[in-house]
Structure formats: C-alpha cells, structure tokens
PDB file of N, CA and C in Angstrom:
ATOM      1  N   MET A   1      15.447-109.569-108.872  1.00  0.00           N
ATOM      2  CA  MET A   1      15.386-110.956-108.387  1.00  0.00           C
ATOM      3  C   MET A   1      16.421-111.175-107.277  1.00  0.00           C
ATOM      4  N   LYS A   2      15.982-111.895-106.245  1.00  0.00           N
ATOM      5  CA  LYS A   2      16.973-112.235-105.212  1.00  0.00           C
ATOM      6  C   LYS A   2      16.692-113.676-104.797  1.00  0.00           C
ATOM      7  N   THR A   3      17.736-114.318-104.323  1.00  0.00           N
ATOM      8  CA  THR A   3      17.661-115.702-103.856  1.00  0.00           C
ATOM      9  C   THR A   3      17.887-115.685-102.342  1.00  0.00           C
ATOM     10  N   CYS A   4      16.936-116.316-101.616  1.00  0.00           N
ATOM     11  CA  CYS A   4      17.099-116.452-100.148  1.00  0.00           C
ATOM     12  C   CYS A   4      17.422-117.894 -99.822  1.00  0.00           C
ATOM     13  N   VAL A   5      18.420-118.138 -99.021  1.00  0.00           N
ATOM     14  CA  VAL A   5      18.765-119.456 -98.580  1.00  0.00           C
ATOM     15  C   VAL A   5      18.498-119.499 -97.066  1.00  0.00           C
ATOM     16  N   PHE A   6      17.509-120.329 -96.720  1.00  0.00           N
ATOM     17  CA  PHE A   6      17.095-120.433 -95.315  1.00  0.00           C
ATOM     18  C   PHE A   6      17.734-121.639 -94.671  1.00  0.00           C
ATOM     19  N   ARG A   7      18.157-121.493 -93.426  1.00  0.00           N
ATOM     20  CA  ARG A   7      18.732-122.603 -92.666  1.00  0.00           C
ATOM     21  C   ARG A   7      17.601-123.506 -92.218  1.00  0.00           C
ATOM     22  N   VAL A   8      17.785-124.788 -92.335  1.00  0.00           N
ATOM     23  CA  VAL A   8      16.806-125.761 -91.888  1.00  0.00           C
ATOM     24  C   VAL A   8      17.489-126.772 -90.944  1.00  0.00           C
ATOM     25  N   VAL A   9      16.672-127.342 -90.094  1.00  0.00           N
ATOM     26  CA  VAL A   9      17.164-128.353 -89.132  1.00  0.00           C
ATOM     27  C   VAL A   9      16.434-129.653 -89.459  1.00  0.00           C
ATOM     28  N   VAL A  10      17.136-130.772 -89.584  1.00  0.00           N
ATOM     29  CA  VAL A  10      16.589-132.069 -89.797  1.00  0.00           C
ATOM     30  C   VAL A  10      17.147-132.986 -88.701  1.00  0.00           C
ATOM     31  N   GLU A  11      16.226-133.585 -87.882  1.00  0.00           N
ATOM     32  CA  GLU A  11      16.684-134.376 -86.768  1.00  0.00           C
ATOM     33  C   GLU A  11      15.839-135.635 -86.622  1.00  0.00           C
ATOM     34  N   PRO A  12      16.449-136.745 -86.150  1.00  0.00           N
ATOM     35  CA  PRO A  12      15.679-137.985 -85.980  1.00  0.00           C
ATOM     36  C   PRO A  12      14.699-137.837 -84.822  1.00  0.00           C
ATOM     37  N   ASP A  13      13.549-138.511 -84.898  1.00  0.00           N
ATOM     38  CA  ASP A  13      12.529-138.525 -83.846  1.00  0.00           C
ATOM     39  C   ASP A  13      11.802-139.837 -83.911  1.00  0.00           C
ATOM     40  N   ASP A  14      12.203-140.755 -83.053  1.00  0.00           N
ATOM     41  CA  ASP A  14      11.676-142.114 -83.000  1.00  0.00           C
ATOM     42  C   ASP A  14      11.800-142.765 -84.374  1.00  0.00           C
ATOM     43  N   ASP A  15      10.717-143.096 -85.033  1.00  0.00           N
ATOM     44  CA  ASP A  15      10.775-143.801 -86.310  1.00  0.00           C
ATOM     45  C   ASP A  15      10.615-142.881 -87.521  1.00  0.00           C
ATOM     46  N   ARG A  16      10.917-141.605 -87.341  1.00  0.00           N
ATOM     47  CA  ARG A  16      10.805-140.645 -88.488  1.00  0.00           C
ATOM     48  C   ARG A  16      11.830-139.535 -88.265  1.00  0.00           C
ATOM     49  N   TRP A  17      11.793-138.624 -89.235  1.00  0.00           N
ATOM     50  CA  TRP A  17      12.730-137.467 -89.188  1.00  0.00           C
ATOM     51  C   TRP A  17      11.851-136.207 -89.141  1.00  0.00           C
ATOM     52  N   ILE A  18      12.218-135.249 -88.323  1.00  0.00           N
ATOM     53  CA  ILE A  18      11.543-133.975 -88.178  1.00  0.00           C
ATOM     54  C   ILE A  18      12.415-132.921 -88.930  1.00  0.00           C
ATOM     55  N   ALA A  19      11.784-132.032 -89.684  1.00  0.00           N
ATOM     56  CA  ALA A  19      12.495-130.935 -90.368  1.00  0.00           C
ATOM     57  C   ALA A  19      11.751-129.666 -90.172  1.00  0.00           C
ATOM     58  N   TYR A  20      12.517-128.582 -89.889  1.00  0.00           N
ATOM     59  CA  TYR A  20      11.869-127.275 -89.737  1.00  0.00           C
ATOM     60  C   TYR A  20      12.896-126.204 -90.084  1.00  0.00           C
ATOM     61  N   CYS A  21      12.286-125.093 -90.394  1.00  0.00           N
ATOM     62  CA  CYS A  21      13.069-123.823 -90.684  1.00  0.00           C
ATOM     63  C   CYS A  21      12.863-122.920 -89.504  1.00  0.00           C
ATOM     64  N   PRO A  22      13.824-122.714 -88.636  1.00  0.00           N
ATOM     65  CA  PRO A  22      13.646-121.888 -87.447  1.00  0.00           C
ATOM     66  C   PRO A  22      13.019-120.518 -87.701  1.00  0.00           C
ATOM     67  N   LEU A  23      13.397-119.889 -88.783  1.00  0.00           N
ATOM     68  CA  LEU A  23      12.924-118.547 -89.089  1.00  0.00           C
ATOM     69  C   LEU A  23      11.465-118.547 -89.515  1.00  0.00           C
ATOM     70  N   LEU A  24      10.977-119.671 -90.044  1.00  0.00           N
ATOM     71  CA  LEU A  24       9.618-119.773 -90.564  1.00  0.00           C
ATOM     72  C   LEU A  24       8.711-120.696 -89.750  1.00  0.00           C
ATOM     73  N   LYS A  25       9.237-121.212 -88.667  1.00  0.00           N
ATOM     74  CA  LYS A  25       8.487-122.245 -87.869  1.00  0.00           C
ATOM     75  C   LYS A  25       7.132-121.701 -87.436  1.00  0.00           C
ATOM     76  N   GLU A  26       7.073-120.424 -86.988  1.00  0.00           N
ATOM     77  CA  GLU A  26       5.782-119.847 -86.531  1.00  0.00           C
ATOM     78  C   GLU A  26       4.797-119.743 -87.687  1.00  0.00           C
ATOM     79  N   LYS A  27       5.268-119.746 -88.912  1.00  0.00           N
ATOM     80  CA  LYS A  27       4.395-119.613 -90.092  1.00  0.00           C
ATOM     81  C   LYS A  27       4.043-121.014 -90.643  1.00  0.00           C
ATOM     82  N   GLY A  28       4.412-122.088 -89.949  1.00  0.00           N
ATOM     83  CA  GLY A  28       4.126-123.412 -90.436  1.00  0.00           C
ATOM     84  C   GLY A  28       5.283-124.092 -91.106  1.00  0.00           C
ATOM     85  N   GLY A  29       6.497-123.547 -90.937  1.00  0.00           N
ATOM     86  CA  GLY A  29       7.687-124.049 -91.637  1.00  0.00           C
ATOM     87  C   GLY A  29       8.260-125.281 -90.971  1.00  0.00           C
ATOM     88  N   ALA A  30       7.451-126.326 -90.881  1.00  0.00           N
ATOM     89  CA  ALA A  30       7.927-127.604 -90.315  1.00  0.00           C
ATOM     90  C   ALA A  30       7.228-128.751 -90.987  1.00  0.00           C
ATOM     91  N   THR A  31       7.885-129.873 -91.002  1.00  0.00           N
ATOM     92  CA  THR A  31       7.336-131.105 -91.627  1.00  0.00           C
ATOM     93  C   THR A  31       8.066-132.323 -91.098  1.00  0.00           C
ATOM     94  N   TRP A  32       7.857-133.479 -91.726  1.00  0.00           N
ATOM     95  CA  TRP A  32       8.519-134.640 -91.291  1.00  0.00           C
ATOM     96  C   TRP A  32       8.616-135.628 -92.498  1.00  0.00           C
ATOM     97  N   GLY A  33       9.377-136.699 -92.356  1.00  0.00           N
ATOM     98  CA  GLY A  33       9.483-137.751 -93.337  1.00  0.00           C
ATOM     99  C   GLY A  33       9.905-139.026 -92.700  1.00  0.00           C
ATOM    100  N   TYR A  34       9.728-140.195 -93.355  1.00  0.00           N
ATOM    101  CA  TYR A  34      10.148-141.429 -92.831  1.00  0.00           C
ATOM    102  C   TYR A  34      11.674-141.606 -92.928  1.00  0.00           C
ATOM    103  N   THR A  35      12.335-140.844 -93.839  1.00  0.00           N
ATOM    104  CA  THR A  35      13.760-140.874 -93.993  1.00  0.00           C
ATOM    105  C   THR A  35      14.295-139.465 -93.922  1.00  0.00           C
ATOM    106  N   GLN A  36      15.590-139.320 -93.703  1.00  0.00           N
ATOM    107  CA  GLN A  36      16.201-137.980 -93.677  1.00  0.00           C
ATOM    108  C   GLN A  36      16.022-137.274 -94.996  1.00  0.00           C
ATOM    109  N   ASP A  37      16.225-138.007 -96.085  1.00  0.00           N
ATOM    110  CA  ASP A  37      16.081-137.433 -97.438  1.00  0.00           C
ATOM    111  C   ASP A  37      14.622-136.996 -97.703  1.00  0.00           C
ATOM    112  N   GLU A  38      13.659-137.745 -97.243  1.00  0.00           N
ATOM    113  CA  GLU A  38      12.280-137.400 -97.450  1.00  0.00           C
ATOM    114  C   GLU A  38      11.896-136.130 -96.617  1.00  0.00           C
ATOM    115  N   ALA A  39      12.405-136.019 -95.389  1.00  0.00           N
ATOM    116  CA  ALA A  39      12.166-134.881 -94.571  1.00  0.00           C
ATOM    117  C   ALA A  39      12.820-133.640 -95.159  1.00  0.00           C
ATOM    118  N   LEU A  40      14.007-133.811 -95.722  1.00  0.00           N
ATOM    119  CA  LEU A  40      14.718-132.657 -96.358  1.00  0.00           C
ATOM    120  C   LEU A  40      13.961-132.198 -97.621  1.00  0.00           C
ATOM    121  N   SER A  41      13.482-133.116 -98.386  1.00  0.00           N
ATOM    122  CA  SER A  41      12.695-132.841 -99.594  1.00  0.00           C
ATOM    123  C   SER A  41      11.393-132.121 -99.223  1.00  0.00           C
ATOM    124  N   ASN A  42      10.775-132.614 -98.170  1.00  0.00           N
ATOM    125  CA  ASN A  42       9.481-132.011 -97.690  1.00  0.00           C
ATOM    126  C   ASN A  42       9.721-130.623 -97.173  1.00  0.00           C
ATOM    127  N   ILE A  43      10.798-130.359 -96.386  1.00  0.00           N
ATOM    128  CA  ILE A  43      10.988-129.016 -95.869  1.00  0.00           C
ATOM    129  C   ILE A  43      11.319-128.040 -96.959  1.00  0.00           C
ATOM    130  N   LYS A  44      11.969-128.470 -98.018  1.00  0.00           N
ATOM    131  CA  LYS A  44      12.245-127.570 -99.153  1.00  0.00           C
ATOM    132  C   LYS A  44      10.940-127.105 -99.726  1.00  0.00           C
ATOM    133  N   GLU A  45       9.986-128.023 -99.940  1.00  0.00           N
ATOM    134  CA  GLU A  45       8.698-127.676-100.487  1.00  0.00           C
ATOM    135  C   GLU A  45       7.910-126.742 -99.525  1.00  0.00           C
ATOM    136  N   VAL A  46       7.950-127.052 -98.230  1.00  0.00           N
ATOM    137  CA  VAL A  46       7.267-126.248 -97.230  1.00  0.00           C
ATOM    138  C   VAL A  46       7.806-124.785 -97.218  1.00  0.00           C
ATOM    139  N   VAL A  47       9.190-124.686 -97.243  1.00  0.00           N
ATOM    140  CA  VAL A  47       9.779-123.338 -97.194  1.00  0.00           C
ATOM    141  C   VAL A  47       9.320-122.536 -98.452  1.00  0.00           C
ATOM    142  N   GLU A  48       9.393-123.211 -99.622  1.00  0.00           N
ATOM    143  CA  GLU A  48       8.976-122.491-100.851  1.00  0.00           C
ATOM    144  C   GLU A  48       7.505-122.051-100.743  1.00  0.00           C
ATOM    145  N   MET A  49       6.629-122.928-100.285  1.00  0.00           N
ATOM    146  CA  MET A  49       5.203-122.586-100.198  1.00  0.00           C
ATOM    147  C   MET A  49       4.977-121.510 -99.162  1.00  0.00           C
ATOM    148  N   THR A  50       5.658-121.534 -98.035  1.00  0.00           N
ATOM    149  CA  THR A  50       5.500-120.540 -96.985  1.00  0.00           C
ATOM    150  C   THR A  50       5.927-119.209 -97.455  1.00  0.00           C
ATOM    151  N   VAL A  51       7.095-119.095 -98.099  1.00  0.00           N
ATOM    152  CA  VAL A  51       7.591-117.825 -98.579  1.00  0.00           C
ATOM    153  C   VAL A  51       6.698-117.273 -99.676  1.00  0.00           C
ATOM    154  N   GLN A  52       6.253-118.133-100.544  1.00  0.00           N
ATOM    155  CA  GLN A  52       5.319-117.675-101.598  1.00  0.00           C
ATOM    156  C   GLN A  52       4.014-117.176-101.059  1.00  0.00           C
ATOM    157  N   SER A  53       3.482-117.824-100.085  1.00  0.00           N
ATOM    158  CA  SER A  53       2.241-117.383 -99.398  1.00  0.00           C
ATOM    159  C   SER A  53       2.468-115.996 -98.715  1.00  0.00           C
ATOM    160  N   MET A  54       3.596-115.879 -98.045  1.00  0.00           N
ATOM    161  CA  MET A  54       3.913-114.571 -97.383  1.00  0.00           C
ATOM    162  C   MET A  54       3.986-113.469 -98.433  1.00  0.00           C
ATOM    163  N   ALA A  55       4.626-113.722 -99.536  1.00  0.00           N
ATOM    164  CA  ALA A  55       4.702-112.692-100.608  1.00  0.00           C
ATOM    165  C   ALA A  55       3.356-112.341-101.167  1.00  0.00           C
ATOM    166  N   GLU A  56       2.560-113.363-101.383  1.00  0.00           N
ATOM    167  CA  GLU A  56       1.211-113.136-101.964  1.00  0.00           C
ATOM    168  C   GLU A  56       0.320-112.311-101.033  1.00  0.00           C
ATOM    169  N   HIS A  57       0.538-112.435 -99.695  1.00  0.00           N
ATOM    170  CA  HIS A  57      -0.276-111.712 -98.695  1.00  0.00           C
ATOM    171  C   HIS A  57       0.396-110.400 -98.258  1.00  0.00           C
ATOM    172  N   GLY A  58       1.474-110.008 -98.925  1.00  0.00           N
ATOM    173  CA  GLY A  58       2.104-108.761 -98.609  1.00  0.00           C
ATOM    174  C   GLY A  58       2.899-108.758 -97.299  1.00  0.00           C
ATOM    175  N   GLU A  59       3.199-109.937 -96.794  1.00  0.00           N
ATOM    176  CA  GLU A  59       3.966-110.028 -95.574  1.00  0.00           C
ATOM    177  C   GLU A  59       5.461-109.881 -95.904  1.00  0.00           C
ATOM    178  N   PRO A  60       6.237-109.277 -94.996  1.00  0.00           N
ATOM    179  CA  PRO A  60       7.661-109.139 -95.243  1.00  0.00           C
ATOM    180  C   PRO A  60       8.374-110.498 -95.241  1.00  0.00           C
ATOM    181  N   ILE A  61       9.238-110.701 -96.200  1.00  0.00           N
ATOM    182  CA  ILE A  61      10.022-111.878 -96.308  1.00  0.00           C
ATOM    183  C   ILE A  61      11.347-111.657 -95.559  1.00  0.00           C
ATOM    184  N   PRO A  62      11.692-112.525 -94.609  1.00  0.00           N
ATOM    185  CA  PRO A  62      12.959-112.399 -93.926  1.00  0.00           C
ATOM    186  C   PRO A  62      14.087-112.330 -94.945  1.00  0.00           C
ATOM    187  N   ASP A  63      14.930-111.324 -94.901  1.00  0.00           N
ATOM    188  CA  ASP A  63      15.974-111.234 -95.888  1.00  0.00           C
ATOM    189  C   ASP A  63      17.362-110.986 -95.326  1.00  0.00           C
ATOM    190  N   GLY A  64      17.518-111.344 -94.054  1.00  0.00           N
ATOM    191  CA  GLY A  64      18.828-111.304 -93.400  1.00  0.00           C
ATOM    192  C   GLY A  64      19.623-110.019 -93.643  1.00  0.00           C
ATOM    193  N   PRO A  65      20.910-110.033 -93.546  1.00  0.00           N
ATOM    194  CA  PRO A  65      21.735-111.257 -93.305  1.00  0.00           C
ATOM    195  C   PRO A  65      21.623-111.674 -91.801  1.00  0.00           C
ATOM    196  N   SER A  66      21.665-112.945 -91.613  1.00  0.00           N
ATOM    197  CA  SER A  66      21.713-113.475 -90.312  1.00  0.00           C
ATOM    198  C   SER A  66      22.153-114.929 -90.422  1.00  0.00           C
ATOM    199  N   GLU A  67      22.201-115.622 -89.272  1.00  0.00           N
ATOM    200  CA  GLU A  67      22.543-117.070 -89.310  1.00  0.00           C
ATOM    201  C   GLU A  67      21.423-117.858 -89.882  1.00  0.00           C
ATOM    202  N   GLU A  68      20.218-117.319 -89.954  1.00  0.00           N
ATOM    203  CA  GLU A  68      19.021-118.056 -90.391  1.00  0.00           C
ATOM    204  C   GLU A  68      18.729-117.905 -91.870  1.00  0.00           C
ATOM    205  N   VAL A  69      19.194-116.831 -92.493  1.00  0.00           N
ATOM    206  CA  VAL A  69      18.914-116.650 -93.928  1.00  0.00           C
ATOM    207  C   VAL A  69      20.052-115.884 -94.579  1.00  0.00           C
ATOM    208  N   THR A  70      20.385-116.285 -95.761  1.00  0.00           N
ATOM    209  CA  THR A  70      21.403-115.611 -96.613  1.00  0.00           C
ATOM    210  C   THR A  70      20.711-115.176 -97.892  1.00  0.00           C
ATOM    211  N   VAL A  71      20.955-113.968 -98.301  1.00  0.00           N
ATOM    212  CA  VAL A  71      20.303-113.436 -99.493  1.00  0.00           C
ATOM    213  C   VAL A  71      21.372-113.111-100.547  1.00  0.00           C
ATOM    214  N   PHE A  72      21.068-113.569-101.745  1.00  0.00           N
ATOM    215  CA  PHE A  72      21.997-113.253-102.904  1.00  0.00           C
ATOM    216  C   PHE A  72      21.160-112.454-103.894  1.00  0.00           C
ATOM    217  N   LEU A  73      21.727-111.348-104.369  1.00  0.00           N
ATOM    218  CA  LEU A  73      21.022-110.519-105.338  1.00  0.00           C
ATOM    219  C   LEU A  73      21.295-110.975-106.765  1.00  0.00           C
ATOM    220  N   GLU A  74      22.173-111.931-106.966  1.00  0.00           N
ATOM    221  CA  GLU A  74      22.442-112.486-108.282  1.00  0.00           C
ATOM    222  C   GLU A  74      21.991-113.942-108.277  1.00  0.00           C
ATOM    223  N   ALA A  75      21.840-114.500-109.458  1.00  0.00           N
ATOM    224  CA  ALA A  75      21.412-115.914-109.574  1.00  0.00           C
ATOM    225  C   ALA A  75      22.498-116.820-109.019  1.00  0.00           C
ATOM    226  N   ASN A  76      22.059-117.875-108.332  1.00  0.00           N
ATOM    227  CA  ASN A  76      22.969-118.814-107.744  1.00  0.00           C
ATOM    228  C   ASN A  76      22.464-120.253-107.950  1.00  0.00           C
ATOM    229  N   VAL A  77      23.362-121.192-107.791  1.00  0.00           N
ATOM    230  CA  VAL A  77      23.017-122.607-107.772  1.00  0.00           C
ATOM    231  C   VAL A  77      23.478-123.163-106.439  1.00  0.00           C
ATOM    232  N   ALA A  78      22.617-123.805-105.676  1.00  0.00           N
ATOM    233  CA  ALA A  78      23.033-124.408-104.433  1.00  0.00           C
ATOM    234  C   ALA A  78      23.152-125.883-104.621  1.00  0.00           C
ATOM    235  N   VAL A  79      24.196-126.433-104.062  1.00  0.00           N
ATOM    236  CA  VAL A  79      24.403-127.878-104.136  1.00  0.00           C
ATOM    237  C   VAL A  79      24.673-128.409-102.741  1.00  0.00           C
ATOM    238  N   THR A  80      23.900-129.417-102.329  1.00  0.00           N
ATOM    239  CA  THR A  80      24.074-129.995-101.011  1.00  0.00           C
ATOM    240  C   THR A  80      24.716-131.329-101.185  1.00  0.00           C
ATOM    241  N   ILE A  81      25.873-131.590-100.519  1.00  0.00           N
ATOM    242  CA  ILE A  81      26.502-132.870-100.666  1.00  0.00           C
ATOM    243  C   ILE A  81      26.673-133.518 -99.332  1.00  0.00           C
TER     244      ILE A  81
END
C-alpha cells in the first residue's frame, strides 16, 4: 500500500472558485465550487476518482517524487489547516 499526495491549485474566478490538480489536469483533474471549501472538497473527490480510474484501466499512476506528487509507502494522516 502506498499513499500519494497530489498538489492542487484553488483560485478565485469571478463568482466561483476553480480547483485543479496540475499533474492530472489532462485526465480531467479539474472542478469548481461556489466557495473555496466547496472547490477543495470537489477536487479531492475528482483526484480520487481520476486515480482510481487510471488504476482500473492499467494506466501508470504518477508516483513522484516531484513538486506535484509525494508518495509515502507507510500509512499517513494528512491534516490541512
């Protein structure tokens, strides 16, 4: 088991927030929300679904190390404050 932590970008855009994962953007790794928190929650779900789909289709999962993804081979807990 390994844990991959992907960098995401959340930025304001007129009356909403845009969120995307640069490493997965070409695979559909982008979304939006009316608030920053909603956009962040949505991109978390999109990244999970995108990586799961890639794994199911036998596509390689980006596993760094790089500025875009960090991989841990042991269990971790991530906390965003």
